[in-house]
Protein backbone atom coordinates (compact mmCIF):
# COMPACT_ATOMS: atom_id res chain seq x y z
CA MET A 1 76.84 152.86 167.98
CA LEU A 2 74.19 155.13 166.44
CA ASP A 3 71.74 152.25 166.23
CA SER A 4 72.14 151.55 169.95
CA VAL A 5 71.67 155.23 170.79
CA LEU A 6 68.44 155.27 168.78
CA LEU A 7 67.31 152.03 170.40
CA TYR A 8 67.78 153.34 173.93
CA LEU A 9 66.19 156.62 172.94
CA GLY A 10 63.17 154.57 171.87
CA PHE A 11 63.20 152.61 175.15
CA THR A 12 63.43 155.87 177.14
CA THR A 13 60.56 157.41 175.18
CA ILE A 14 58.41 154.34 175.81
CA PHE A 15 59.11 154.56 179.54
CA VAL A 16 58.30 158.29 179.65
CA GLY A 17 55.09 157.71 177.68
CA LEU A 18 53.92 154.83 179.90
CA LEU A 19 54.70 156.85 183.01
CA SER A 20 52.72 159.75 181.58
CA ILE A 21 49.70 157.52 181.09
CA LEU A 22 49.69 157.07 184.89
CA TRP A 23 50.86 160.55 185.84
CA PRO A 24 51.09 163.07 182.99
CA LEU A 25 54.52 164.70 183.12
CA ASN A 26 53.65 168.34 182.76
CA PHE A 27 57.25 169.48 183.00
CA LEU A 28 57.84 167.58 179.73
CA ARG A 29 54.66 169.16 178.29
CA ILE A 30 52.89 165.83 178.36
CA ARG A 31 49.64 167.05 179.95
CA THR A 32 47.21 164.24 179.20
CA ARG A 33 47.14 160.47 179.32
CA LYS A 34 46.36 160.41 175.60
CA ALA A 35 49.53 162.41 174.92
CA GLY A 36 51.43 159.90 177.06
CA ALA A 37 50.06 157.04 174.96
CA ILE A 38 51.19 158.80 171.78
CA VAL A 39 54.69 159.34 173.21
CA ALA A 40 54.89 155.64 174.14
CA ALA A 41 53.77 154.63 170.66
CA VAL A 42 56.41 156.86 169.05
CA GLY A 43 59.08 155.30 171.27
CA PHE A 44 57.88 151.82 170.36
CA PHE A 45 58.03 152.71 166.66
CA VAL A 46 61.60 154.06 167.01
CA ALA A 47 62.76 150.96 168.90
CA VAL A 48 61.22 148.48 166.43
CA VAL A 49 62.55 150.33 163.38
CA THR A 50 66.02 150.46 164.92
CA LEU A 51 65.99 146.73 165.68
CA LEU A 52 65.04 146.09 162.06
CA PHE A 53 67.83 148.21 160.53
CA PRO A 54 69.59 146.25 157.77
CA VAL A 55 73.07 144.89 158.41
CA ARG A 56 75.80 144.70 155.78
CA THR A 57 78.75 142.36 155.58
CA LYS A 58 82.20 143.98 155.44
CA GLN A 59 85.13 142.26 153.74
CA VAL A 60 88.84 142.93 154.30
CA SER A 61 90.44 143.13 150.84
CA THR A 62 94.09 143.06 151.91
CA PRO A 63 94.83 141.45 155.29
CA THR A 64 97.33 143.38 157.40
CA THR A 65 96.79 141.79 160.81
CA LYS A 66 96.22 138.34 162.24
CA LEU A 67 92.64 139.36 162.94
CA ASP A 68 92.20 140.11 159.24
CA GLU A 69 93.45 136.60 158.45
CA TRP A 70 91.15 134.85 160.92
CA MET A 71 88.03 136.91 160.32
CA PRO A 72 88.14 138.81 156.99
CA LYS A 73 84.33 139.08 156.93
CA SER A 74 82.07 140.48 159.61
CA GLN A 75 78.75 142.22 160.10
CA PHE A 76 79.43 143.72 163.52
CA ASP A 77 82.60 145.35 164.83
CA GLU A 78 83.89 147.60 167.54
CA GLN A 79 87.27 149.33 167.71
CA HIS A 80 89.15 151.25 170.42
CA SER A 81 92.71 152.35 170.99
CA ILE A 82 94.90 153.97 173.67
CA TYR A 83 98.46 155.28 173.94
CA ILE A 84 100.66 153.72 176.62
CA LYS A 85 104.02 154.95 177.84
CA ALA A 86 105.60 151.53 177.86
CA SER A 87 107.34 149.18 175.47
CA PRO A 88 105.38 146.62 173.45
CA GLU A 89 106.91 143.89 175.64
CA LYS A 90 105.54 145.48 178.83
CA VAL A 91 102.21 146.15 177.18
CA PHE A 92 101.95 142.53 176.00
CA GLU A 93 102.64 141.31 179.55
CA ALA A 94 99.94 143.63 180.87
CA ILE A 95 97.40 142.40 178.28
CA HIS A 96 97.95 138.85 179.52
CA ALA A 97 97.89 139.82 183.19
CA VAL A 98 94.87 142.15 183.59
CA ARG A 99 92.14 140.78 185.87
CA ALA A 100 88.42 141.45 186.06
CA ASP A 101 88.73 143.52 189.27
CA GLU A 102 91.02 145.99 187.47
CA ILE A 103 88.38 146.87 184.89
CA PHE A 104 85.81 149.48 185.87
CA LEU A 105 82.24 148.10 186.01
CA PHE A 106 83.33 144.85 184.35
CA ARG A 107 81.65 142.52 186.84
CA THR A 108 78.49 144.65 186.99
CA LEU A 109 78.04 144.80 183.22
CA ILE A 110 78.90 141.14 182.75
CA ALA A 111 76.39 140.19 185.45
CA ILE A 112 73.70 142.21 183.64
CA ARG A 113 74.60 140.55 180.32
CA ARG A 114 74.65 137.05 181.92
CA CYS A 115 71.30 137.72 183.73
CA GLY A 116 72.87 137.51 187.17
CA ARG A 117 74.96 134.35 186.64
CA PRO A 118 78.45 134.46 188.20
CA GLY A 119 81.14 136.20 186.20
CA PRO A 120 84.76 135.16 185.63
CA GLU A 121 87.10 134.21 188.41
CA ASN A 122 89.53 136.86 189.65
CA LYS A 123 92.34 135.60 187.47
CA PRO A 124 93.86 137.10 184.32
CA LEU A 125 90.89 137.56 181.98
CA LEU A 126 92.55 136.07 178.94
CA ASP A 127 93.37 132.94 181.01
CA VAL A 128 89.77 132.62 182.12
CA ALA A 129 88.45 133.22 178.63
CA THR A 130 90.74 130.71 176.94
CA GLN A 131 90.06 128.07 179.60
CA THR A 132 86.30 128.32 179.05
CA THR A 133 84.63 129.54 175.85
CA PHE A 134 87.42 131.20 173.86
CA ILE A 135 90.54 129.87 172.14
CA TYR A 136 93.75 131.55 171.02
CA LEU A 137 93.89 132.04 167.26
CA ALA A 138 97.15 133.98 167.44
CA ASP A 139 99.60 134.95 170.20
CA ASP A 140 102.28 136.81 168.31
CA ALA A 141 104.30 138.56 171.02
CA PRO A 142 104.77 141.46 171.29
CA ARG A 143 102.53 142.47 168.42
CA GLU A 144 99.10 140.85 168.40
CA ILE A 145 96.77 138.51 170.29
CA VAL A 146 93.63 137.13 168.65
CA VAL A 147 91.00 135.03 170.48
CA GLY A 148 87.79 133.59 169.10
CA THR A 149 84.62 131.83 170.11
CA VAL A 150 81.35 130.44 168.80
CA ILE A 151 78.54 132.64 170.02
CA SER A 152 75.66 130.54 168.79
CA ALA A 153 74.81 127.62 166.55
CA PRO A 154 71.59 125.79 165.63
CA HIS A 155 70.59 123.02 168.05
CA ASP A 156 70.69 120.43 165.30
CA ILE A 157 74.39 121.01 164.60
CA PRO A 158 76.55 118.58 166.62
CA LYS A 159 78.82 120.49 168.97
CA PRO A 160 82.51 119.59 168.81
CA ALA A 161 84.06 118.13 171.95
CA LYS A 162 86.59 120.96 171.91
CA LEU A 163 86.70 124.31 170.14
CA THR A 164 89.59 124.40 167.68
CA PRO A 165 90.97 127.08 165.33
CA GLU A 166 89.88 125.01 162.34
CA ILE A 167 86.28 126.01 163.01
CA PHE A 168 87.22 129.53 161.88
CA ARG A 169 88.71 128.24 158.63
CA LYS A 170 86.15 125.78 157.34
CA GLU A 171 82.66 126.24 155.90
CA LEU A 172 80.02 125.74 158.60
CA PRO A 173 76.30 124.88 158.38
CA PRO A 174 74.02 127.97 158.19
CA GLY A 175 73.08 129.57 161.45
CA VAL A 176 76.47 129.80 163.15
CA VAL A 177 77.71 133.07 164.70
CA LEU A 178 81.47 133.46 165.32
CA ALA A 179 83.26 136.21 167.24
CA THR A 180 86.89 137.29 167.41
CA MET A 181 88.76 139.92 169.42
CA ASN A 182 92.31 141.16 169.11
CA TYR A 183 94.85 143.37 170.83
CA LEU A 184 97.30 144.97 168.41
CA VAL A 185 100.44 146.71 169.71
CA ALA A 186 102.44 149.21 167.68
CA SER A 187 105.62 150.82 169.03
CA ASP A 188 106.70 154.44 168.46
CA SER A 189 110.06 156.24 168.39
CA ASN A 190 109.59 157.51 171.98
CA GLY A 191 109.52 154.04 173.53
CA GLY A 192 105.74 153.99 173.91
CA SER A 193 103.04 151.90 172.31
CA THR A 194 99.64 152.41 170.71
CA VAL A 195 97.32 149.58 171.62
CA SER A 196 94.14 148.90 169.71
CA THR A 197 91.47 146.32 170.25
CA GLU A 198 88.83 145.25 167.77
CA THR A 199 85.88 142.89 168.16
CA ARG A 200 84.33 141.32 165.07
CA VAL A 201 81.25 139.11 164.78
CA PHE A 202 80.23 137.11 161.71
CA GLY A 203 76.96 135.27 161.16
CA ASN A 204 76.86 132.89 158.21
CA SER A 205 73.11 133.17 157.49
CA ALA A 206 70.51 135.94 157.23
CA ASP A 207 68.54 134.58 160.19
CA SER A 208 71.55 134.36 162.49
CA VAL A 209 72.59 137.90 161.57
CA ARG A 210 69.08 139.29 162.27
CA ARG A 211 68.96 137.58 165.66
CA PHE A 212 72.40 138.74 166.68
CA ALA A 213 71.68 142.29 165.50
CA VAL A 214 68.96 142.62 168.16
CA TYR A 215 71.35 141.37 170.87
CA TRP A 216 74.24 143.54 169.65
CA ARG A 217 72.19 146.75 169.59
CA ILE A 218 71.13 146.15 173.16
CA ILE A 219 74.52 145.25 174.64
CA HIS A 220 76.77 147.47 172.50
CA PRO A 221 76.94 150.43 174.98
CA GLY A 222 77.98 148.07 177.78
CA SER A 223 80.52 146.38 175.51
CA ASP A 224 81.95 149.78 174.61
CA ILE A 225 82.44 150.64 178.31
CA ILE A 226 84.14 147.28 178.97
CA ARG A 227 86.56 147.59 176.05
CA ARG A 228 87.59 151.15 176.95
CA SER A 229 87.98 150.23 180.62
CA TRP A 230 89.99 147.14 179.70
CA LEU A 231 92.43 149.28 177.69
CA ARG A 232 92.79 151.72 180.60
CA ALA A 233 93.54 148.79 182.95
CA ILE A 234 96.23 147.55 180.53
CA LYS A 235 97.67 151.10 180.44
CA ARG A 236 97.81 151.38 184.27
CA ARG A 237 99.48 147.99 184.66
CA ALA A 238 102.00 148.47 181.84
CA GLU A 239 103.04 151.97 182.93
CA ALA A 240 103.32 150.85 186.56
CA ALA A 241 105.65 148.02 185.48
CA ARG A 242 107.67 150.47 183.43
CA GLY A 243 108.08 152.81 186.38
């Protein structure tokens, strides 16, 4: 997340600098238009350098989850967890049942990401996802769900008529970006469950990784909010069912 923080710091600095070129912001000690231009230039430099940060590929050495089996290598990842006072069975039901309207700011953030295009129907999100662009890679009740999708591929690569799990197993032409997401449920001795979710993205060429890195650093804060809110929605539904 540090790269996204730096990127948005750069964007904010550019905005402040440009605004100071029109109206010097004395309360920020930017008293001249020249100073405003310098501030904007510094912000631009920070944003560009952040977008060009190198990306490394991480490899899972010993798989312990279904997600590890389906995507052992990735360049981008995001992890969150929450404790829920409900059994793994109730939690698993809630994971499958949560809808978009139960997740704080989900529709707003998705609309921003999709440039105003309509978001998902008000049905269980996993149903919507797996009926459109995602597929189930694992549905191991009540322990783990894994879904996956193809984020991007070169235009000259023929698109399959239907996305299948085999795409995540075979060697693909350079330029493909794959993504997976899981929900992993672990029970405890008190009858509750710890639920974690992880998103992984893997690009199979240097160019595809560089392109996705720009996108990821821009949308990562919104993605973080969605994942955390999604977990809280699962918690509310599972604990309500328990009570």
